[in-house]
Amino acid sequence: MKSKIFIFFVALALLSCSRPSQPLPYGYYRIDIPDYGYQPTTLPGYPYRFEFADIAVIDTRVDNAAAVINPDEGEEYWLDVVYPTLNARIHCSYKPIQSQISTLGHLTDESIRMVFDHAIKADAIPEQGYTNSEARVYGVYYDLEGNTASPVQFFLTDSTQHFFRAALYYKCIPNADSLAPVNEVMRRDIRHMIESFRWQ
């Protein structure tokens, strides 16, 4: 009796597996992005200001006095715009254009080199110029497509005294498909940051 029951269940199992299996696409975690607005930076003594998302915080990375005493700890007026809930960080650096080393051509070339260091992983690197003559803010915005470590980078200058550079990074393995909704938000925020950018 036991052998008949066993044969019945084996036959049932073999017959039930006759339908071909169907591969399923990869799934990604849902990323909820809350509604938010923008706020101005409050950075006394900094040579620039801009507006950033109010779901982000400013991390000044290094105290200005410490940068002067020990330049290895960081550069003066550098900061990060940190999105704690999105695991994102916009690294921002500033250089004055006032010495032989910090010429506009040198800083521009260095920024372009840093963008194209990601070319090995990028599918394309379209660039877009930016001009705000009234505020004397000029620059280039780079949108790095594909699984790059930094999907957006840009630099801004007044072409005589100031040079500002920023790059977006995530604290995770870069995957353009899973990060698509966050990338869309970050691109919008970075464009707002550029459009609201002013020299002090």
N, C-alpha and C. Protein backbone atom coordinates (compact mmCIF):
# COMPACT_ATOMS: atom_id res chain seq x y z
N MET A 1 0.81 -1.19 0.00
CA MET A 1 0.00 0.00 0.00
C MET A 1 0.87 1.27 0.00
N LYS A 2 1.93 1.22 0.83
CA LYS A 2 2.82 2.37 0.91
C LYS A 2 3.52 2.62 -0.41
N SER A 3 3.90 1.54 -1.09
CA SER A 3 4.60 1.70 -2.38
C SER A 3 3.66 2.28 -3.44
N LYS A 4 2.37 1.92 -3.40
CA LYS A 4 1.41 2.47 -4.36
C LYS A 4 1.22 3.98 -4.14
N ILE A 5 1.15 4.37 -2.87
CA ILE A 5 1.00 5.80 -2.54
C ILE A 5 2.25 6.56 -3.00
N PHE A 6 3.43 5.97 -2.75
CA PHE A 6 4.68 6.61 -3.15
C PHE A 6 4.73 6.79 -4.68
N ILE A 7 4.38 5.72 -5.44
CA ILE A 7 4.38 5.79 -6.91
C ILE A 7 3.37 6.83 -7.39
N PHE A 8 2.21 6.90 -6.73
CA PHE A 8 1.19 7.89 -7.11
C PHE A 8 1.73 9.32 -6.96
N PHE A 9 2.40 9.62 -5.83
CA PHE A 9 2.91 10.97 -5.61
C PHE A 9 4.09 11.30 -6.53
N VAL A 10 4.91 10.31 -6.85
CA VAL A 10 6.01 10.53 -7.80
C VAL A 10 5.45 10.84 -9.18
N ALA A 11 4.45 10.08 -9.61
CA ALA A 11 3.82 10.31 -10.91
C ALA A 11 3.14 11.68 -10.95
N LEU A 12 2.48 12.05 -9.84
CA LEU A 12 1.84 13.35 -9.75
C LEU A 12 2.87 14.48 -9.84
N ALA A 13 3.99 14.31 -9.17
CA ALA A 13 5.05 15.32 -9.20
C ALA A 13 5.63 15.46 -10.60
N LEU A 14 5.86 14.36 -11.29
CA LEU A 14 6.40 14.40 -12.65
C LEU A 14 5.42 15.05 -13.62
N LEU A 15 4.13 14.77 -13.48
CA LEU A 15 3.14 15.36 -14.37
C LEU A 15 2.94 16.85 -14.11
N SER A 16 3.05 17.24 -12.85
CA SER A 16 2.83 18.65 -12.52
C SER A 16 3.99 19.54 -12.98
N CYS A 17 5.14 18.99 -13.28
CA CYS A 17 6.30 19.77 -13.72
C CYS A 17 6.42 19.85 -15.23
N SER A 18 5.35 19.54 -15.93
CA SER A 18 5.45 19.51 -17.39
C SER A 18 5.43 20.91 -18.01
N ARG A 19 4.93 21.94 -17.28
CA ARG A 19 4.89 23.30 -17.81
C ARG A 19 6.30 23.90 -17.80
N PRO A 20 6.74 24.54 -18.90
CA PRO A 20 8.09 25.11 -18.93
C PRO A 20 8.22 26.28 -17.96
N SER A 21 9.38 26.39 -17.36
CA SER A 21 9.61 27.48 -16.41
C SER A 21 9.81 28.79 -17.17
N GLN A 22 9.48 29.89 -16.52
CA GLN A 22 9.60 31.19 -17.16
C GLN A 22 10.52 32.07 -16.31
N PRO A 23 11.59 32.59 -16.91
CA PRO A 23 12.49 33.43 -16.12
C PRO A 23 11.81 34.75 -15.75
N LEU A 24 12.08 35.22 -14.55
CA LEU A 24 11.50 36.48 -14.08
C LEU A 24 12.57 37.57 -14.10
N PRO A 25 12.19 38.79 -14.35
CA PRO A 25 13.18 39.87 -14.34
C PRO A 25 13.67 40.15 -12.92
N TYR A 26 14.87 40.76 -12.83
CA TYR A 26 15.40 41.14 -11.53
C TYR A 26 14.49 42.19 -10.90
N GLY A 27 14.30 42.10 -9.62
CA GLY A 27 13.52 43.10 -8.90
C GLY A 27 14.44 43.98 -8.08
N TYR A 28 14.02 45.19 -7.82
CA TYR A 28 14.79 46.13 -7.02
C TYR A 28 13.93 46.63 -5.87
N TYR A 29 14.59 47.02 -4.80
CA TYR A 29 13.86 47.57 -3.65
C TYR A 29 13.17 48.85 -4.07
N ARG A 30 12.00 49.06 -3.53
CA ARG A 30 11.27 50.30 -3.79
C ARG A 30 11.93 51.42 -2.99
N ILE A 31 12.18 52.54 -3.64
CA ILE A 31 12.79 53.69 -2.99
C ILE A 31 11.73 54.78 -2.89
N ASP A 32 11.31 55.07 -1.68
CA ASP A 32 10.31 56.12 -1.46
C ASP A 32 11.01 57.45 -1.28
N ILE A 33 10.63 58.41 -2.09
CA ILE A 33 11.22 59.75 -2.00
C ILE A 33 10.14 60.70 -1.50
N PRO A 34 10.37 61.31 -0.34
CA PRO A 34 9.34 62.18 0.23
C PRO A 34 9.24 63.51 -0.53
N ASP A 35 8.13 64.22 -0.33
CA ASP A 35 8.00 65.57 -0.88
C ASP A 35 8.95 66.48 -0.11
N TYR A 36 9.55 67.42 -0.79
CA TYR A 36 10.49 68.32 -0.12
C TYR A 36 10.61 69.62 -0.91
N GLY A 37 11.22 70.60 -0.26
CA GLY A 37 11.48 71.89 -0.89
C GLY A 37 12.97 72.19 -0.88
N TYR A 38 13.32 73.45 -1.04
CA TYR A 38 14.72 73.85 -1.07
C TYR A 38 14.98 74.93 -0.03
N GLN A 39 16.21 74.97 0.44
CA GLN A 39 16.62 75.95 1.44
C GLN A 39 17.98 76.53 1.05
N PRO A 40 18.28 77.76 1.46
CA PRO A 40 19.59 78.34 1.13
C PRO A 40 20.67 77.84 2.09
N THR A 41 21.89 77.83 1.62
CA THR A 41 23.01 77.49 2.50
C THR A 41 23.24 78.65 3.46
N THR A 42 23.66 78.32 4.67
CA THR A 42 24.03 79.35 5.65
C THR A 42 25.48 79.06 6.05
N LEU A 43 26.40 79.57 5.26
CA LEU A 43 27.82 79.29 5.44
C LEU A 43 28.58 80.61 5.55
N PRO A 44 28.64 81.19 6.74
CA PRO A 44 29.33 82.47 6.89
C PRO A 44 30.80 82.38 6.45
N GLY A 45 31.22 83.34 5.64
CA GLY A 45 32.61 83.39 5.19
C GLY A 45 32.90 82.61 3.93
N TYR A 46 31.96 81.76 3.49
CA TYR A 46 32.19 81.00 2.26
C TYR A 46 32.03 81.92 1.05
N PRO A 47 32.82 81.69 0.00
CA PRO A 47 32.76 82.58 -1.17
C PRO A 47 31.63 82.26 -2.15
N TYR A 48 30.71 81.39 -1.77
CA TYR A 48 29.59 81.02 -2.64
C TYR A 48 28.39 80.64 -1.80
N ARG A 49 27.23 80.60 -2.44
CA ARG A 49 26.00 80.13 -1.80
C ARG A 49 25.12 79.49 -2.87
N PHE A 50 24.21 78.64 -2.44
CA PHE A 50 23.27 77.99 -3.35
C PHE A 50 22.11 77.44 -2.55
N GLU A 51 21.10 76.95 -3.22
CA GLU A 51 19.96 76.31 -2.56
C GLU A 51 20.07 74.80 -2.73
N PHE A 52 19.71 74.08 -1.67
CA PHE A 52 19.77 72.61 -1.70
C PHE A 52 18.51 72.04 -1.07
N ALA A 53 18.25 70.77 -1.31
CA ALA A 53 17.04 70.11 -0.83
C ALA A 53 16.98 70.11 0.69
N ASP A 54 15.77 70.31 1.24
CA ASP A 54 15.68 70.33 2.70
C ASP A 54 15.62 68.92 3.31
N ILE A 55 15.74 67.89 2.49
CA ILE A 55 15.92 66.53 3.03
C ILE A 55 17.41 66.19 3.13
N ALA A 56 18.25 67.13 2.74
CA ALA A 56 19.71 66.95 2.80
C ALA A 56 20.30 67.82 3.90
N VAL A 57 21.54 67.53 4.25
CA VAL A 57 22.26 68.34 5.24
C VAL A 57 23.63 68.70 4.67
N ILE A 58 24.21 69.79 5.17
CA ILE A 58 25.54 70.21 4.75
C ILE A 58 26.57 69.67 5.72
N ASP A 59 27.58 69.01 5.20
CA ASP A 59 28.72 68.53 5.99
C ASP A 59 29.93 69.30 5.50
N THR A 60 30.48 70.18 6.33
CA THR A 60 31.58 71.05 5.89
C THR A 60 32.92 70.31 5.81
N ARG A 61 32.95 69.03 6.16
CA ARG A 61 34.12 68.15 5.97
C ARG A 61 35.36 68.58 6.73
N VAL A 62 35.66 69.85 6.76
CA VAL A 62 36.87 70.29 7.46
C VAL A 62 36.65 71.72 7.94
N ASP A 63 37.13 71.99 9.13
CA ASP A 63 37.05 73.34 9.67
C ASP A 63 38.00 74.25 8.90
N ASN A 64 37.56 75.45 8.56
CA ASN A 64 38.40 76.36 7.77
C ASN A 64 39.74 76.62 8.43
N ALA A 65 39.73 76.81 9.76
CA ALA A 65 40.99 77.07 10.48
C ALA A 65 41.91 75.86 10.40
N ALA A 66 41.34 74.65 10.50
CA ALA A 66 42.15 73.43 10.43
C ALA A 66 42.77 73.28 9.05
N ALA A 67 42.04 73.71 8.01
CA ALA A 67 42.56 73.61 6.64
C ALA A 67 43.80 74.49 6.46
N VAL A 68 43.80 75.63 7.11
CA VAL A 68 44.95 76.52 7.01
C VAL A 68 46.13 75.95 7.79
N ILE A 69 45.86 75.41 8.99
CA ILE A 69 46.93 74.86 9.83
C ILE A 69 47.48 73.57 9.24
N ASN A 70 46.59 72.66 8.82
CA ASN A 70 47.00 71.37 8.30
C ASN A 70 46.29 71.10 6.97
N PRO A 71 46.88 71.51 5.85
CA PRO A 71 46.20 71.35 4.56
C PRO A 71 45.95 69.91 4.16
N ASP A 72 46.65 68.94 4.79
CA ASP A 72 46.41 67.53 4.45
C ASP A 72 45.04 67.06 4.90
N GLU A 73 44.41 67.76 5.85
CA GLU A 73 43.10 67.35 6.35
C GLU A 73 41.99 67.72 5.38
N GLY A 74 42.25 68.60 4.45
CA GLY A 74 41.22 69.00 3.50
C GLY A 74 41.48 70.40 3.00
N GLU A 75 40.60 70.90 2.18
CA GLU A 75 40.74 72.22 1.59
C GLU A 75 39.71 73.17 2.19
N GLU A 76 40.08 74.42 2.23
CA GLU A 76 39.19 75.43 2.75
C GLU A 76 37.98 75.58 1.83
N TYR A 77 36.79 75.72 2.42
CA TYR A 77 35.52 75.93 1.73
C TYR A 77 35.01 74.70 0.97
N TRP A 78 35.53 73.51 1.29
CA TRP A 78 35.00 72.28 0.70
C TRP A 78 33.84 71.80 1.58
N LEU A 79 32.84 71.18 0.96
CA LEU A 79 31.72 70.65 1.73
C LEU A 79 31.06 69.51 0.97
N ASP A 80 30.17 68.81 1.65
CA ASP A 80 29.35 67.75 1.05
C ASP A 80 27.89 68.07 1.32
N VAL A 81 27.05 67.86 0.31
CA VAL A 81 25.60 67.90 0.50
C VAL A 81 25.17 66.45 0.65
N VAL A 82 24.74 66.08 1.85
CA VAL A 82 24.48 64.67 2.19
C VAL A 82 22.98 64.40 2.24
N TYR A 83 22.55 63.34 1.54
CA TYR A 83 21.17 62.86 1.57
C TYR A 83 21.15 61.57 2.38
N PRO A 84 20.90 61.64 3.70
CA PRO A 84 21.00 60.42 4.54
C PRO A 84 20.03 59.32 4.12
N THR A 85 18.81 59.68 3.72
CA THR A 85 17.81 58.65 3.39
C THR A 85 18.02 58.04 2.01
N LEU A 86 18.80 58.69 1.15
CA LEU A 86 19.03 58.20 -0.20
C LEU A 86 20.44 57.65 -0.40
N ASN A 87 21.25 57.66 0.66
CA ASN A 87 22.63 57.18 0.57
C ASN A 87 23.44 57.92 -0.49
N ALA A 88 23.13 59.19 -0.67
CA ALA A 88 23.79 59.99 -1.71
C ALA A 88 24.58 61.13 -1.08
N ARG A 89 25.61 61.56 -1.79
CA ARG A 89 26.47 62.64 -1.31
C ARG A 89 27.01 63.40 -2.51
N ILE A 90 26.85 64.73 -2.49
CA ILE A 90 27.43 65.57 -3.53
C ILE A 90 28.70 66.19 -2.96
N HIS A 91 29.86 65.74 -3.44
CA HIS A 91 31.15 66.27 -2.99
C HIS A 91 31.40 67.60 -3.70
N CYS A 92 31.61 68.65 -2.94
CA CYS A 92 31.82 69.99 -3.50
C CYS A 92 33.19 70.52 -3.10
N SER A 93 33.93 71.01 -4.08
CA SER A 93 35.24 71.59 -3.79
C SER A 93 35.33 72.98 -4.39
N TYR A 94 36.19 73.79 -3.82
CA TYR A 94 36.35 75.18 -4.25
C TYR A 94 37.84 75.50 -4.33
N LYS A 95 38.22 76.22 -5.37
CA LYS A 95 39.60 76.71 -5.50
C LYS A 95 39.57 78.16 -5.97
N PRO A 96 40.34 79.01 -5.33
CA PRO A 96 40.45 80.38 -5.85
C PRO A 96 41.37 80.40 -7.06
N ILE A 97 41.04 81.23 -8.04
CA ILE A 97 41.91 81.38 -9.21
C ILE A 97 42.81 82.58 -8.93
N GLN A 98 43.97 82.31 -8.33
CA GLN A 98 44.81 83.43 -7.94
C GLN A 98 46.30 83.14 -8.01
N SER A 99 46.67 81.94 -8.35
CA SER A 99 48.10 81.63 -8.39
C SER A 99 48.45 80.96 -9.72
N GLN A 100 49.73 80.76 -9.92
CA GLN A 100 50.21 80.09 -11.12
C GLN A 100 49.68 78.65 -11.19
N ILE A 101 49.57 78.01 -10.02
CA ILE A 101 49.11 76.61 -9.97
C ILE A 101 47.61 76.54 -10.24
N SER A 102 46.85 77.46 -9.64
CA SER A 102 45.39 77.43 -9.76
C SER A 102 44.89 78.35 -10.88
N THR A 103 45.37 78.13 -12.08
CA THR A 103 44.86 78.90 -13.21
C THR A 103 43.55 78.29 -13.68
N LEU A 104 42.75 79.07 -14.38
CA LEU A 104 41.47 78.57 -14.88
C LEU A 104 41.66 77.38 -15.81
N GLY A 105 42.65 77.45 -16.67
CA GLY A 105 42.91 76.34 -17.60
C GLY A 105 43.28 75.06 -16.87
N HIS A 106 44.14 75.18 -15.86
CA HIS A 106 44.56 74.00 -15.09
C HIS A 106 43.38 73.37 -14.36
N LEU A 107 42.56 74.20 -13.69
CA LEU A 107 41.42 73.69 -12.93
C LEU A 107 40.37 73.07 -13.85
N THR A 108 40.15 73.69 -15.00
CA THR A 108 39.19 73.14 -15.96
C THR A 108 39.67 71.80 -16.50
N ASP A 109 40.94 71.73 -16.88
CA ASP A 109 41.50 70.46 -17.40
C ASP A 109 41.42 69.35 -16.36
N GLU A 110 41.71 69.70 -15.10
CA GLU A 110 41.66 68.70 -14.03
C GLU A 110 40.23 68.20 -13.83
N SER A 111 39.26 69.09 -13.90
CA SER A 111 37.85 68.69 -13.75
C SER A 111 37.40 67.78 -14.89
N ILE A 112 37.79 68.12 -16.10
CA ILE A 112 37.43 67.29 -17.27
C ILE A 112 38.08 65.91 -17.16
N ARG A 113 39.34 65.88 -16.70
CA ARG A 113 40.03 64.59 -16.52
C ARG A 113 39.30 63.73 -15.50
N MET A 114 38.84 64.35 -14.40
CA MET A 114 38.12 63.58 -13.37
C MET A 114 36.80 63.02 -13.90
N VAL A 115 36.14 63.77 -14.76
CA VAL A 115 34.91 63.28 -15.38
C VAL A 115 35.22 62.07 -16.26
N PHE A 116 36.23 62.20 -17.12
CA PHE A 116 36.51 61.14 -18.08
C PHE A 116 37.29 59.97 -17.49
N ASP A 117 37.67 60.06 -16.20
CA ASP A 117 38.18 58.87 -15.50
C ASP A 117 37.09 57.81 -15.41
N HIS A 118 35.82 58.22 -15.53
CA HIS A 118 34.68 57.29 -15.44
C HIS A 118 34.27 56.76 -16.81
N ALA A 119 34.99 57.14 -17.86
CA ALA A 119 34.61 56.74 -19.23
C ALA A 119 34.62 55.23 -19.43
N ILE A 120 35.45 54.52 -18.67
CA ILE A 120 35.55 53.06 -18.84
C ILE A 120 34.22 52.38 -18.49
N LYS A 121 33.44 52.96 -17.57
CA LYS A 121 32.16 52.38 -17.17
C LYS A 121 30.96 53.09 -17.79
N ALA A 122 31.17 54.29 -18.31
CA ALA A 122 30.06 55.08 -18.84
C ALA A 122 29.66 54.62 -20.23
N ASP A 123 28.35 54.62 -20.50
CA ASP A 123 27.84 54.35 -21.84
C ASP A 123 27.98 55.58 -22.73
N ALA A 124 27.83 56.75 -22.11
CA ALA A 124 27.97 58.03 -22.81
C ALA A 124 28.19 59.11 -21.76
N ILE A 125 28.81 60.22 -22.17
CA ILE A 125 29.02 61.35 -21.26
C ILE A 125 28.60 62.64 -21.97
N PRO A 126 27.29 62.87 -22.08
CA PRO A 126 26.86 64.14 -22.67
C PRO A 126 27.16 65.29 -21.73
N GLU A 127 27.50 66.44 -22.31
CA GLU A 127 27.78 67.62 -21.51
C GLU A 127 26.90 68.78 -21.96
N GLN A 128 26.65 69.68 -21.03
CA GLN A 128 25.79 70.83 -21.33
C GLN A 128 26.41 72.06 -20.68
N GLY A 129 26.60 73.09 -21.47
CA GLY A 129 27.14 74.34 -20.95
C GLY A 129 26.09 75.11 -20.17
N TYR A 130 26.55 75.93 -19.24
CA TYR A 130 25.65 76.75 -18.44
C TYR A 130 26.20 78.17 -18.38
N THR A 131 25.33 79.16 -18.57
CA THR A 131 25.72 80.56 -18.52
C THR A 131 24.66 81.37 -17.79
N ASN A 132 25.10 82.10 -16.77
CA ASN A 132 24.27 83.09 -16.09
C ASN A 132 25.11 84.36 -16.02
N SER A 133 25.04 85.17 -17.07
CA SER A 133 25.89 86.35 -17.18
C SER A 133 25.63 87.35 -16.07
N GLU A 134 24.37 87.49 -15.67
CA GLU A 134 24.03 88.45 -14.63
C GLU A 134 24.73 88.13 -13.31
N ALA A 135 24.79 86.84 -12.95
CA ALA A 135 25.44 86.41 -11.71
C ALA A 135 26.91 86.05 -11.92
N ARG A 136 27.39 86.15 -13.15
CA ARG A 136 28.76 85.78 -13.51
C ARG A 136 29.07 84.33 -13.09
N VAL A 137 28.16 83.44 -13.44
CA VAL A 137 28.33 82.01 -13.18
C VAL A 137 28.30 81.28 -14.52
N TYR A 138 29.40 80.61 -14.83
CA TYR A 138 29.55 79.88 -16.09
C TYR A 138 30.05 78.48 -15.75
N GLY A 139 29.64 77.49 -16.52
CA GLY A 139 30.11 76.15 -16.21
C GLY A 139 29.69 75.11 -17.21
N VAL A 140 29.98 73.86 -16.85
CA VAL A 140 29.63 72.70 -17.68
C VAL A 140 29.06 71.61 -16.78
N TYR A 141 27.94 71.03 -17.23
CA TYR A 141 27.24 69.96 -16.51
C TYR A 141 27.46 68.66 -17.29
N TYR A 142 27.90 67.60 -16.61
CA TYR A 142 28.16 66.30 -17.24
C TYR A 142 27.18 65.27 -16.68
N ASP A 143 26.49 64.57 -17.57
CA ASP A 143 25.54 63.52 -17.21
C ASP A 143 26.15 62.19 -17.65
N LEU A 144 26.69 61.44 -16.71
CA LEU A 144 27.39 60.19 -17.04
C LEU A 144 26.38 59.04 -17.05
N GLU A 145 26.13 58.49 -18.23
CA GLU A 145 25.14 57.43 -18.37
C GLU A 145 25.79 56.07 -18.18
N GLY A 146 25.05 55.14 -17.56
CA GLY A 146 25.56 53.79 -17.32
C GLY A 146 25.87 53.58 -15.85
N ASN A 147 26.57 52.48 -15.56
CA ASN A 147 26.88 52.10 -14.18
C ASN A 147 28.16 52.76 -13.69
N THR A 148 28.18 54.08 -13.68
CA THR A 148 29.36 54.80 -13.23
C THR A 148 29.26 55.10 -11.74
N ALA A 149 30.42 55.25 -11.09
CA ALA A 149 30.44 55.57 -9.66
C ALA A 149 29.86 56.95 -9.39
N SER A 150 30.00 57.86 -10.35
CA SER A 150 29.49 59.22 -10.19
C SER A 150 28.64 59.57 -11.41
N PRO A 151 27.31 59.56 -11.29
CA PRO A 151 26.45 59.78 -12.46
C PRO A 151 26.31 61.23 -12.90
N VAL A 152 26.66 62.19 -12.04
CA VAL A 152 26.56 63.61 -12.40
C VAL A 152 27.76 64.35 -11.82
N GLN A 153 28.37 65.20 -12.67
CA GLN A 153 29.45 66.08 -12.22
C GLN A 153 29.29 67.42 -12.92
N PHE A 154 29.80 68.48 -12.31
CA PHE A 154 29.77 69.79 -12.95
C PHE A 154 30.83 70.69 -12.34
N PHE A 155 31.15 71.75 -13.05
CA PHE A 155 31.99 72.79 -12.47
C PHE A 155 31.43 74.15 -12.87
N LEU A 156 31.66 75.14 -11.99
CA LEU A 156 31.20 76.51 -12.18
C LEU A 156 32.35 77.46 -11.89
N THR A 157 32.39 78.58 -12.60
CA THR A 157 33.44 79.57 -12.40
C THR A 157 32.93 80.95 -12.79
N ASP A 158 33.62 81.98 -12.29
CA ASP A 158 33.36 83.33 -12.79
C ASP A 158 34.43 83.72 -13.79
N SER A 159 35.35 82.81 -14.04
CA SER A 159 36.46 82.90 -15.00
C SER A 159 37.60 83.82 -14.57
N THR A 160 37.49 84.45 -13.39
CA THR A 160 38.58 85.32 -12.94
C THR A 160 39.06 85.03 -11.52
N GLN A 161 38.13 84.69 -10.60
CA GLN A 161 38.52 84.51 -9.19
C GLN A 161 38.13 83.17 -8.58
N HIS A 162 36.99 82.63 -8.99
CA HIS A 162 36.41 81.47 -8.29
C HIS A 162 36.27 80.26 -9.21
N PHE A 163 36.46 79.07 -8.60
CA PHE A 163 36.24 77.82 -9.33
C PHE A 163 35.61 76.82 -8.36
N PHE A 164 34.42 76.31 -8.72
CA PHE A 164 33.66 75.38 -7.88
C PHE A 164 33.39 74.11 -8.67
N ARG A 165 33.61 72.97 -8.05
CA ARG A 165 33.39 71.68 -8.72
C ARG A 165 32.59 70.77 -7.81
N ALA A 166 31.70 69.94 -8.40
CA ALA A 166 30.89 69.01 -7.60
C ALA A 166 30.70 67.70 -8.34
N ALA A 167 30.59 66.62 -7.57
CA ALA A 167 30.37 65.28 -8.13
C ALA A 167 29.45 64.49 -7.20
N LEU A 168 28.48 63.82 -7.80
CA LEU A 168 27.51 63.01 -7.05
C LEU A 168 28.04 61.59 -6.89
N TYR A 169 27.96 61.06 -5.67
CA TYR A 169 28.34 59.68 -5.40
C TYR A 169 27.28 59.03 -4.50
N TYR A 170 27.14 57.70 -4.64
CA TYR A 170 26.25 56.93 -3.77
C TYR A 170 27.09 56.00 -2.91
N LYS A 171 26.56 55.69 -1.73
CA LYS A 171 27.25 54.75 -0.84
C LYS A 171 26.69 53.35 -1.09
N CYS A 172 26.85 52.88 -2.34
CA CYS A 172 26.39 51.55 -2.73
C CYS A 172 27.03 51.20 -4.07
N ILE A 173 26.86 49.96 -4.49
CA ILE A 173 27.37 49.53 -5.80
C ILE A 173 26.54 50.24 -6.88
N PRO A 174 27.20 50.92 -7.83
CA PRO A 174 26.43 51.66 -8.84
C PRO A 174 25.68 50.72 -9.80
N ASN A 175 24.38 50.92 -9.88
CA ASN A 175 23.53 50.18 -10.81
C ASN A 175 22.50 51.16 -11.33
N ALA A 176 22.67 51.57 -12.57
CA ALA A 176 21.82 52.62 -13.15
C ALA A 176 20.34 52.25 -13.13
N ASP A 177 20.01 50.97 -13.29
CA ASP A 177 18.60 50.55 -13.30
C ASP A 177 17.96 50.73 -11.92
N SER A 178 18.60 50.22 -10.88
CA SER A 178 18.01 50.30 -9.55
C SER A 178 18.04 51.72 -9.00
N LEU A 179 19.02 52.53 -9.43
CA LEU A 179 19.13 53.90 -8.94
C LEU A 179 18.39 54.92 -9.80
N ALA A 180 17.70 54.46 -10.84
CA ALA A 180 17.04 55.37 -11.79
C ALA A 180 16.13 56.40 -11.11
N PRO A 181 15.24 56.01 -10.16
CA PRO A 181 14.39 57.04 -9.55
C PRO A 181 15.18 58.04 -8.71
N VAL A 182 16.23 57.58 -8.05
CA VAL A 182 17.05 58.49 -7.24
C VAL A 182 17.87 59.39 -8.15
N ASN A 183 18.41 58.84 -9.24
CA ASN A 183 19.18 59.66 -10.18
C ASN A 183 18.32 60.79 -10.74
N GLU A 184 17.06 60.50 -11.02
CA GLU A 184 16.16 61.52 -11.56
C GLU A 184 16.01 62.67 -10.55
N VAL A 185 15.82 62.32 -9.28
CA VAL A 185 15.69 63.33 -8.22
C VAL A 185 16.99 64.11 -8.06
N MET A 186 18.10 63.41 -8.05
CA MET A 186 19.40 64.07 -7.83
C MET A 186 19.74 65.00 -9.00
N ARG A 187 19.43 64.60 -10.22
CA ARG A 187 19.67 65.48 -11.37
C ARG A 187 18.85 66.77 -11.25
N ARG A 188 17.59 66.64 -10.82
CA ARG A 188 16.75 67.82 -10.64
C ARG A 188 17.33 68.73 -9.55
N ASP A 189 17.77 68.14 -8.43
CA ASP A 189 18.33 68.93 -7.33
C ASP A 189 19.64 69.61 -7.73
N ILE A 190 20.46 68.92 -8.50
CA ILE A 190 21.74 69.49 -8.92
C ILE A 190 21.50 70.64 -9.90
N ARG A 191 20.52 70.50 -10.78
CA ARG A 191 20.20 71.62 -11.68
C ARG A 191 19.70 72.83 -10.89
N HIS A 192 18.90 72.58 -9.85
CA HIS A 192 18.44 73.67 -9.00
C HIS A 192 19.62 74.31 -8.27
N MET A 193 20.52 73.49 -7.82
CA MET A 193 21.74 73.98 -7.15
C MET A 193 22.53 74.90 -8.08
N ILE A 194 22.69 74.49 -9.34
CA ILE A 194 23.43 75.29 -10.32
C ILE A 194 22.69 76.60 -10.61
N GLU A 195 21.40 76.53 -10.82
CA GLU A 195 20.62 77.72 -11.18
C GLU A 195 20.54 78.74 -10.04
N SER A 196 20.62 78.26 -8.79
CA SER A 196 20.56 79.17 -7.63
C SER A 196 21.95 79.58 -7.15
N PHE A 197 22.99 79.12 -7.82
CA PHE A 197 24.37 79.36 -7.37
C PHE A 197 24.76 80.83 -7.55
N ARG A 198 25.36 81.40 -6.50
CA ARG A 198 25.86 82.78 -6.54
C ARG A 198 27.21 82.87 -5.83
N TRP A 199 28.03 83.77 -6.29
CA TRP A 199 29.31 84.06 -5.62
C TRP A 199 29.06 85.08 -4.52
N GLN A 200 29.77 84.95 -3.40
CA GLN A 200 29.63 85.91 -2.30
C GLN A 200 30.68 87.01 -2.45
